[in-house]
Amino acid sequence: MLLAAKTVSQVLLHMSVAFGVMYAFTGSVVFGGIAALIEPVSMVLLLPLHERLWRALSPRKTGRTGPRRSTFRSRRALTAAA
């Protein structure tokens, strides 16, 4: 329950910052509201891609660095290579 409250709090914070910045620049409540809706939706869509990229660039447990080759391959390509 605490995690859900924290998540809701973060979403509301993002929305209020987006609204405030856009309202400060334009003076329009409408544009502020649009920005407040677009910002969290775009973050929900882009965050998994961001996490995947960082996971691919992170060092492996073996100490090697660099992207893992299998991260961006399809499952079909992985099974065909095996």
N, C-alpha and C. Protein backbone atom coordinates (compact mmCIF):
# COMPACT_ATOMS: atom_id res chain seq x y z
N MET A 1 0.82 -1.19 0.00
CA MET A 1 0.00 0.00 0.00
C MET A 1 0.87 1.26 0.00
N LEU A 2 1.98 1.19 0.70
CA LEU A 2 2.88 2.34 0.74
C LEU A 2 3.51 2.59 -0.63
N LEU A 3 3.81 1.52 -1.34
CA LEU A 3 4.38 1.66 -2.68
C LEU A 3 3.38 2.32 -3.63
N ALA A 4 2.11 1.96 -3.51
CA ALA A 4 1.09 2.58 -4.37
C ALA A 4 0.95 4.06 -4.06
N ALA A 5 0.99 4.42 -2.78
CA ALA A 5 0.91 5.83 -2.39
C ALA A 5 2.12 6.61 -2.92
N LYS A 6 3.29 5.98 -2.86
CA LYS A 6 4.50 6.63 -3.37
C LYS A 6 4.40 6.84 -4.88
N THR A 7 3.91 5.83 -5.59
CA THR A 7 3.78 5.93 -7.05
C THR A 7 2.79 7.02 -7.43
N VAL A 8 1.66 7.07 -6.77
CA VAL A 8 0.66 8.12 -7.04
C VAL A 8 1.25 9.49 -6.75
N SER A 9 2.00 9.59 -5.66
CA SER A 9 2.65 10.85 -5.30
C SER A 9 3.64 11.29 -6.38
N GLN A 10 4.41 10.35 -6.92
CA GLN A 10 5.37 10.68 -7.97
C GLN A 10 4.66 11.15 -9.24
N VAL A 11 3.57 10.47 -9.59
CA VAL A 11 2.82 10.85 -10.79
C VAL A 11 2.25 12.26 -10.62
N LEU A 12 1.68 12.53 -9.47
CA LEU A 12 1.12 13.87 -9.21
C LEU A 12 2.21 14.94 -9.22
N LEU A 13 3.37 14.61 -8.70
CA LEU A 13 4.49 15.56 -8.73
C LEU A 13 4.91 15.85 -10.17
N HIS A 14 5.05 14.81 -10.99
CA HIS A 14 5.41 15.00 -12.40
C HIS A 14 4.37 15.88 -13.10
N MET A 15 3.11 15.58 -12.87
CA MET A 15 2.05 16.33 -13.54
C MET A 15 2.03 17.79 -13.10
N SER A 16 2.24 18.03 -11.81
CA SER A 16 2.20 19.42 -11.33
C SER A 16 3.41 20.21 -11.82
N VAL A 17 4.57 19.58 -11.92
CA VAL A 17 5.74 20.27 -12.45
C VAL A 17 5.54 20.59 -13.93
N ALA A 18 5.03 19.61 -14.69
CA ALA A 18 4.79 19.84 -16.11
C ALA A 18 3.77 20.97 -16.30
N PHE A 19 2.71 20.95 -15.51
CA PHE A 19 1.71 22.01 -15.60
C PHE A 19 2.32 23.36 -15.25
N GLY A 20 3.05 23.40 -14.15
CA GLY A 20 3.63 24.66 -13.69
C GLY A 20 4.60 25.28 -14.68
N VAL A 21 5.46 24.44 -15.25
CA VAL A 21 6.44 24.95 -16.21
C VAL A 21 5.75 25.47 -17.46
N MET A 22 4.80 24.69 -17.99
CA MET A 22 4.11 25.11 -19.20
C MET A 22 3.26 26.35 -18.94
N TYR A 23 2.62 26.42 -17.79
CA TYR A 23 1.81 27.59 -17.46
C TYR A 23 2.70 28.83 -17.32
N ALA A 24 3.87 28.65 -16.72
CA ALA A 24 4.80 29.78 -16.55
C ALA A 24 5.28 30.30 -17.91
N PHE A 25 5.49 29.41 -18.85
CA PHE A 25 5.97 29.84 -20.17
C PHE A 25 4.87 30.41 -21.05
N THR A 26 3.65 29.84 -20.97
CA THR A 26 2.61 30.26 -21.89
C THR A 26 1.51 31.10 -21.25
N GLY A 27 1.32 30.96 -19.95
CA GLY A 27 0.21 31.64 -19.28
C GLY A 27 -1.14 31.02 -19.58
N SER A 28 -1.14 29.85 -20.21
CA SER A 28 -2.37 29.18 -20.61
C SER A 28 -2.62 27.94 -19.75
N VAL A 29 -3.82 27.89 -19.15
CA VAL A 29 -4.21 26.73 -18.37
C VAL A 29 -4.40 25.51 -19.28
N VAL A 30 -4.89 25.74 -20.49
CA VAL A 30 -5.12 24.65 -21.43
C VAL A 30 -3.80 23.99 -21.81
N PHE A 31 -2.81 24.78 -22.20
CA PHE A 31 -1.51 24.20 -22.56
C PHE A 31 -0.83 23.57 -21.35
N GLY A 32 -1.01 24.16 -20.20
CA GLY A 32 -0.48 23.55 -18.97
C GLY A 32 -1.11 22.20 -18.71
N GLY A 33 -2.42 22.10 -18.92
CA GLY A 33 -3.11 20.83 -18.72
C GLY A 33 -2.69 19.78 -19.73
N ILE A 34 -2.50 20.20 -20.96
CA ILE A 34 -2.03 19.26 -21.99
C ILE A 34 -0.65 18.72 -21.64
N ALA A 35 0.24 19.60 -21.22
CA ALA A 35 1.58 19.17 -20.83
C ALA A 35 1.53 18.24 -19.62
N ALA A 36 0.63 18.54 -18.69
CA ALA A 36 0.50 17.71 -17.49
C ALA A 36 0.02 16.30 -17.84
N LEU A 37 -0.70 16.14 -18.93
CA LEU A 37 -1.15 14.81 -19.34
C LEU A 37 -0.13 14.11 -20.24
N ILE A 38 0.51 14.85 -21.11
CA ILE A 38 1.46 14.25 -22.06
C ILE A 38 2.73 13.76 -21.36
N GLU A 39 3.22 14.50 -20.40
CA GLU A 39 4.49 14.17 -19.75
C GLU A 39 4.44 12.79 -19.07
N PRO A 40 3.47 12.50 -18.20
CA PRO A 40 3.49 11.17 -17.58
C PRO A 40 3.23 10.04 -18.57
N VAL A 41 2.41 10.26 -19.56
CA VAL A 41 2.15 9.22 -20.56
C VAL A 41 3.42 8.91 -21.34
N SER A 42 4.16 9.94 -21.73
CA SER A 42 5.39 9.70 -22.47
C SER A 42 6.43 9.00 -21.60
N MET A 43 6.46 9.32 -20.32
CA MET A 43 7.40 8.65 -19.42
C MET A 43 7.06 7.18 -19.26
N VAL A 44 5.78 6.85 -19.17
CA VAL A 44 5.37 5.45 -19.06
C VAL A 44 5.80 4.68 -20.30
N LEU A 45 5.72 5.31 -21.45
CA LEU A 45 6.09 4.64 -22.69
C LEU A 45 7.60 4.53 -22.88
N LEU A 46 8.34 5.54 -22.43
CA LEU A 46 9.78 5.57 -22.66
C LEU A 46 10.62 4.91 -21.56
N LEU A 47 10.10 4.83 -20.34
CA LEU A 47 10.89 4.29 -19.23
C LEU A 47 11.33 2.84 -19.47
N PRO A 48 10.49 1.94 -19.98
CA PRO A 48 10.99 0.58 -20.24
C PRO A 48 12.14 0.54 -21.25
N LEU A 49 12.08 1.40 -22.26
CA LEU A 49 13.18 1.45 -23.23
C LEU A 49 14.46 1.97 -22.58
N HIS A 50 14.32 2.95 -21.71
CA HIS A 50 15.46 3.51 -20.98
C HIS A 50 16.09 2.44 -20.09
N GLU A 51 15.26 1.69 -19.38
CA GLU A 51 15.77 0.64 -18.50
C GLU A 51 16.47 -0.46 -19.30
N ARG A 52 15.90 -0.81 -20.44
CA ARG A 52 16.50 -1.84 -21.29
C ARG A 52 17.87 -1.40 -21.81
N LEU A 53 17.98 -0.15 -22.19
CA LEU A 53 19.26 0.37 -22.66
C LEU A 53 20.31 0.33 -21.55
N TRP A 54 19.95 0.78 -20.35
CA TRP A 54 20.91 0.78 -19.25
C TRP A 54 21.29 -0.64 -18.83
N ARG A 55 20.33 -1.56 -18.91
CA ARG A 55 20.63 -2.95 -18.59
C ARG A 55 21.62 -3.51 -19.61
N ALA A 56 21.47 -3.12 -20.87
CA ALA A 56 22.38 -3.59 -21.92
C ALA A 56 23.78 -3.00 -21.76
N LEU A 57 23.88 -1.80 -21.24
CA LEU A 57 25.17 -1.14 -21.10
C LEU A 57 25.87 -1.43 -19.77
N SER A 58 25.15 -2.02 -18.82
CA SER A 58 25.74 -2.26 -17.51
C SER A 58 26.75 -3.40 -17.57
N PRO A 59 27.78 -3.35 -16.71
CA PRO A 59 28.78 -4.43 -16.71
C PRO A 59 28.15 -5.74 -16.24
N ARG A 60 28.62 -6.82 -16.81
CA ARG A 60 28.14 -8.13 -16.39
C ARG A 60 28.78 -8.52 -15.07
N LYS A 61 28.26 -9.56 -14.47
CA LYS A 61 28.83 -10.05 -13.21
C LYS A 61 30.22 -10.64 -13.41
N THR A 62 30.56 -11.00 -14.64
CA THR A 62 31.88 -11.55 -14.92
C THR A 62 32.95 -10.47 -14.99
N GLY A 63 32.53 -9.21 -14.93
CA GLY A 63 33.49 -8.13 -14.98
C GLY A 63 33.66 -7.51 -16.35
N ARG A 64 33.07 -8.14 -17.39
CA ARG A 64 33.18 -7.59 -18.72
C ARG A 64 32.21 -6.42 -18.88
N THR A 65 32.58 -5.50 -19.73
CA THR A 65 31.71 -4.35 -19.97
C THR A 65 31.24 -4.36 -21.41
N GLY A 66 30.26 -3.52 -21.68
CA GLY A 66 29.74 -3.40 -23.04
C GLY A 66 28.37 -4.03 -23.16
N PRO A 67 27.74 -3.79 -24.29
CA PRO A 67 26.39 -4.32 -24.48
C PRO A 67 26.39 -5.83 -24.64
N ARG A 68 25.36 -6.46 -24.12
CA ARG A 68 25.19 -7.90 -24.31
C ARG A 68 24.59 -8.10 -25.69
N ARG A 69 25.14 -9.00 -26.44
CA ARG A 69 24.67 -9.20 -27.81
C ARG A 69 23.24 -9.71 -27.87
N SER A 70 22.83 -10.53 -26.93
CA SER A 70 21.50 -11.14 -27.00
C SER A 70 20.39 -10.20 -26.54
N THR A 71 20.71 -9.04 -26.02
CA THR A 71 19.70 -8.13 -25.49
C THR A 71 18.76 -7.66 -26.57
N PHE A 72 19.25 -7.32 -27.74
CA PHE A 72 18.42 -6.74 -28.78
C PHE A 72 18.07 -7.74 -29.88
N ARG A 73 18.40 -9.01 -29.71
CA ARG A 73 18.05 -10.03 -30.67
C ARG A 73 16.66 -10.57 -30.38
N SER A 74 16.03 -11.05 -31.38
CA SER A 74 14.73 -11.68 -31.18
C SER A 74 14.92 -13.08 -30.62
N ARG A 75 13.87 -13.63 -30.04
CA ARG A 75 13.95 -14.99 -29.50
C ARG A 75 14.17 -16.00 -30.62
N ARG A 76 13.58 -15.75 -31.79
CA ARG A 76 13.75 -16.65 -32.91
C ARG A 76 15.22 -16.72 -33.33
N ALA A 77 15.89 -15.56 -33.34
CA ALA A 77 17.31 -15.54 -33.72
C ALA A 77 18.15 -16.28 -32.69
N LEU A 78 17.77 -16.17 -31.43
CA LEU A 78 18.53 -16.86 -30.37
C LEU A 78 18.37 -18.37 -30.47
N THR A 79 17.15 -18.85 -30.74
CA THR A 79 16.94 -20.29 -30.84
C THR A 79 17.57 -20.85 -32.11
N ALA A 80 17.59 -20.06 -33.18
CA ALA A 80 18.21 -20.52 -34.43
C ALA A 80 19.73 -20.62 -34.28
N ALA A 81 20.31 -19.74 -33.46
CA ALA A 81 21.76 -19.75 -33.27
C ALA A 81 22.21 -20.90 -32.38
N ALA A 82 21.33 -21.41 -31.56
CA ALA A 82 21.69 -22.46 -30.61
C ALA A 82 21.73 -23.82 -31.21
